[in-house]
Amino acid sequence: MIVLPIIPAIGSFWSIYLHGNNLEQAFLLFSRTFAFAAMGMTFAFGVDLEELLLYLEQKKISPNFIYGILVVIHAMPEITQEVKSIQESSKMRGKSLHFWSPMLYLKVIVVALSWRDSYTEAMFSRGFDENGNRRAENKFYLNRLGAVTALCLFIGFNVILFL
């Protein structure tokens, strides 16, 4: 996990070193790129997306937006299966649809639009109301120790970098 953020950091360093005129700026960009890539990977691999979305809903992000994303996340296996079936049916017709083909995505979008009514009905049957007040089933709290630790690390690394 530590090795992966080095790859974009080396790329940033190398581009500034070759096309820039200051080695200090290349090292500064290397450290920043490494830090941002490491934080992003930690966030991406360490946070459950569904829990994050439900937490953001509690923080007054639009429920329509949150539940729309949740529907897409839960529909991904069906969408993946639909992509495979569209690719297989196009091969039987003698045409090959690759993953970069816009026609493949257009066909998947048309199929997904046909699912819209069933997803809307399922959301309303589960009690979703656009204008209603929602009560959270699980309350998500920010861990104070984690927040203090992250803040101390952030301040400490910045002090070390600028000394």
Protein backbone atom coordinates (compact mmCIF):
# COMPACT_ATOMS: atom_id res chain seq x y z
CA MET A 1 0.00 0.00 0.00
CA ILE A 2 2.92 2.35 0.71
CA VAL A 3 4.53 1.60 -2.66
CA LEU A 4 1.55 2.57 -4.84
CA PRO A 5 1.54 6.33 -4.05
CA ILE A 6 5.23 6.47 -4.99
CA ILE A 7 4.35 5.83 -8.65
CA PRO A 8 2.48 9.13 -9.29
CA ALA A 9 4.92 10.95 -7.01
CA ILE A 10 7.88 9.79 -9.09
CA GLY A 11 6.01 10.84 -12.23
CA SER A 12 5.48 14.33 -10.82
CA PHE A 13 9.10 14.58 -9.70
CA TRP A 14 10.39 13.39 -13.06
CA SER A 15 8.27 15.81 -15.09
CA ILE A 16 9.36 18.82 -13.00
CA TYR A 17 12.98 17.65 -12.95
CA LEU A 18 13.12 17.27 -16.75
CA HIS A 19 11.08 20.29 -17.79
CA GLY A 20 11.53 22.58 -14.81
CA ASN A 21 14.53 24.41 -13.53
CA ASN A 22 14.43 23.82 -9.80
CA LEU A 23 15.23 20.56 -8.02
CA GLU A 24 13.66 21.88 -4.79
CA GLN A 25 10.31 22.36 -6.51
CA ALA A 26 10.53 18.83 -7.91
CA PHE A 27 11.02 17.40 -4.39
CA LEU A 28 8.19 19.57 -3.05
CA LEU A 29 5.81 18.34 -5.75
CA PHE A 30 7.00 14.76 -5.13
CA SER A 31 6.11 15.01 -1.43
CA ARG A 32 2.74 16.62 -2.08
CA THR A 33 1.77 14.13 -4.76
CA PHE A 34 2.81 11.25 -2.51
CA ALA A 35 0.79 12.67 0.40
CA PHE A 36 -2.35 13.27 -1.66
CA ALA A 37 -2.13 9.87 -3.36
CA ALA A 38 -1.59 8.12 -0.01
CA MET A 39 -4.52 9.95 1.60
CA GLY A 40 -6.75 9.22 -1.38
CA MET A 41 -5.87 5.53 -1.40
CA THR A 42 -6.36 5.28 2.35
CA PHE A 43 -9.76 6.88 1.99
CA ALA A 44 -10.73 4.77 -1.03
CA PHE A 45 -9.70 1.45 0.49
CA GLY A 46 -10.55 2.21 4.11
CA VAL A 47 -14.08 3.59 3.88
CA ASP A 48 -17.24 1.66 3.07
CA LEU A 49 -19.01 3.66 0.35
CA GLU A 50 -22.52 2.85 1.56
CA GLU A 51 -21.72 3.95 5.11
CA LEU A 52 -20.13 7.14 3.79
CA LEU A 53 -23.22 7.97 1.75
CA LEU A 54 -25.55 7.35 4.69
CA TYR A 55 -23.31 9.52 6.87
CA LEU A 56 -23.45 12.31 4.28
CA GLU A 57 -27.23 12.02 4.23
CA GLN A 58 -27.24 12.68 7.98
CA LYS A 59 -25.14 15.78 7.28
CA LYS A 60 -27.96 17.20 5.11
CA ILE A 61 -26.86 16.11 1.65
CA SER A 62 -29.95 15.66 -0.54
CA PRO A 63 -31.57 12.25 0.07
CA ASN A 64 -32.54 12.11 -3.61
CA PHE A 65 -28.86 12.34 -4.56
CA ILE A 66 -27.73 9.82 -1.92
CA TYR A 67 -30.38 7.23 -2.73
CA GLY A 68 -29.81 7.69 -6.45
CA ILE A 69 -26.15 6.78 -5.97
CA LEU A 70 -27.12 3.86 -3.71
CA VAL A 71 -29.46 2.53 -6.40
CA VAL A 72 -26.61 2.63 -8.92
CA ILE A 73 -24.24 0.89 -6.49
CA HIS A 74 -26.73 -1.87 -5.79
CA ALA A 75 -27.56 -2.21 -9.50
CA MET A 76 -23.92 -2.68 -10.57
CA PRO A 77 -24.12 -6.51 -10.72
CA GLU A 78 -27.19 -6.27 -12.98
CA ILE A 79 -25.53 -3.61 -15.13
CA THR A 80 -22.39 -5.73 -15.46
CA GLN A 81 -24.49 -8.73 -16.48
CA GLU A 82 -26.35 -6.59 -19.00
CA VAL A 83 -23.07 -5.37 -20.53
CA LYS A 84 -21.91 -8.98 -20.93
CA SER A 85 -25.19 -10.04 -22.55
CA ILE A 86 -25.13 -7.07 -24.96
CA GLN A 87 -21.54 -7.89 -25.93
CA GLU A 88 -22.43 -11.56 -26.49
CA SER A 89 -25.49 -10.72 -28.57
CA SER A 90 -23.47 -8.31 -30.71
CA LYS A 91 -20.84 -11.02 -31.30
CA MET A 92 -23.59 -13.37 -32.49
CA ARG A 93 -24.57 -10.71 -35.05
CA GLY A 94 -20.96 -10.50 -36.21
CA LYS A 95 -20.18 -7.16 -34.61
CA SER A 96 -17.83 -6.68 -31.70
CA LEU A 97 -18.60 -4.05 -29.08
CA HIS A 98 -15.53 -3.20 -27.04
CA PHE A 99 -15.57 -1.46 -23.67
CA TRP A 100 -14.66 1.85 -25.35
CA SER A 101 -17.59 1.65 -27.79
CA PRO A 102 -20.20 4.38 -27.22
CA MET A 103 -22.88 2.11 -28.71
CA LEU A 104 -22.39 -0.35 -25.84
CA TYR A 105 -22.97 2.36 -23.24
CA LEU A 106 -25.95 3.75 -25.15
CA LYS A 107 -27.59 0.32 -25.14
CA VAL A 108 -26.90 -0.14 -21.42
CA ILE A 109 -28.40 3.27 -20.65
CA VAL A 110 -31.54 2.41 -22.63
CA VAL A 111 -31.90 -0.85 -20.69
CA ALA A 112 -31.28 0.93 -17.38
CA LEU A 113 -34.00 3.44 -18.24
CA SER A 114 -36.42 0.55 -18.56
CA TRP A 115 -35.51 -0.47 -14.98
CA ARG A 116 -36.26 3.03 -13.66
CA ASP A 117 -39.92 2.37 -12.84
CA SER A 118 -39.19 -0.80 -10.90
CA TYR A 119 -36.46 0.94 -8.87
CA THR A 120 -38.76 3.87 -8.14
CA GLU A 121 -41.49 1.52 -7.01
CA ALA A 122 -39.04 -0.39 -4.81
CA MET A 123 -37.81 2.83 -3.18
CA PHE A 124 -41.33 4.01 -2.39
CA SER A 125 -42.34 0.59 -1.09
CA ARG A 126 -39.41 0.78 1.33
CA GLY A 127 -40.66 4.08 2.67
CA PHE A 128 -38.66 6.63 0.71
CA ASP A 129 -40.45 9.97 0.54
CA GLU A 130 -38.90 12.92 -1.26
CA ASN A 131 -40.36 15.52 1.07
CA GLY A 132 -40.69 13.50 4.25
CA ASN A 133 -38.53 13.74 7.34
CA ARG A 134 -36.13 10.85 7.71
CA ARG A 135 -34.88 9.34 10.92
CA ALA A 136 -31.52 7.65 10.70
CA GLU A 137 -31.51 3.98 11.61
CA ASN A 138 -27.81 4.06 12.45
CA LYS A 139 -26.20 7.20 13.79
CA PHE A 140 -22.68 7.74 12.52
CA TYR A 141 -20.30 9.67 14.70
CA LEU A 142 -16.89 11.09 13.99
CA ASN A 143 -14.24 9.36 16.06
CA ARG A 144 -12.54 12.16 17.97
CA LEU A 145 -9.32 10.20 18.49
CA GLY A 146 -9.06 9.56 14.75
CA ALA A 147 -9.73 13.22 13.93
CA VAL A 148 -7.15 14.44 16.44
CA THR A 149 -4.60 11.91 15.17
CA ALA A 150 -5.17 12.96 11.54
CA LEU A 151 -4.84 16.64 12.47
CA CYS A 152 -1.61 16.01 14.42
CA LEU A 153 -0.14 14.02 11.53
CA PHE A 154 -1.11 16.74 9.07
CA ILE A 155 0.47 19.49 11.18
CA GLY A 156 3.53 17.38 11.97
CA PHE A 157 4.24 16.51 8.33
CA ASN A 158 3.83 20.13 7.27
CA VAL A 159 6.23 21.31 9.97
CA ILE A 160 8.79 18.69 8.90
CA LEU A 161 8.44 19.58 5.20
CA PHE A 162 8.90 23.30 5.72
CA LEU A 163 11.86 23.19 8.13
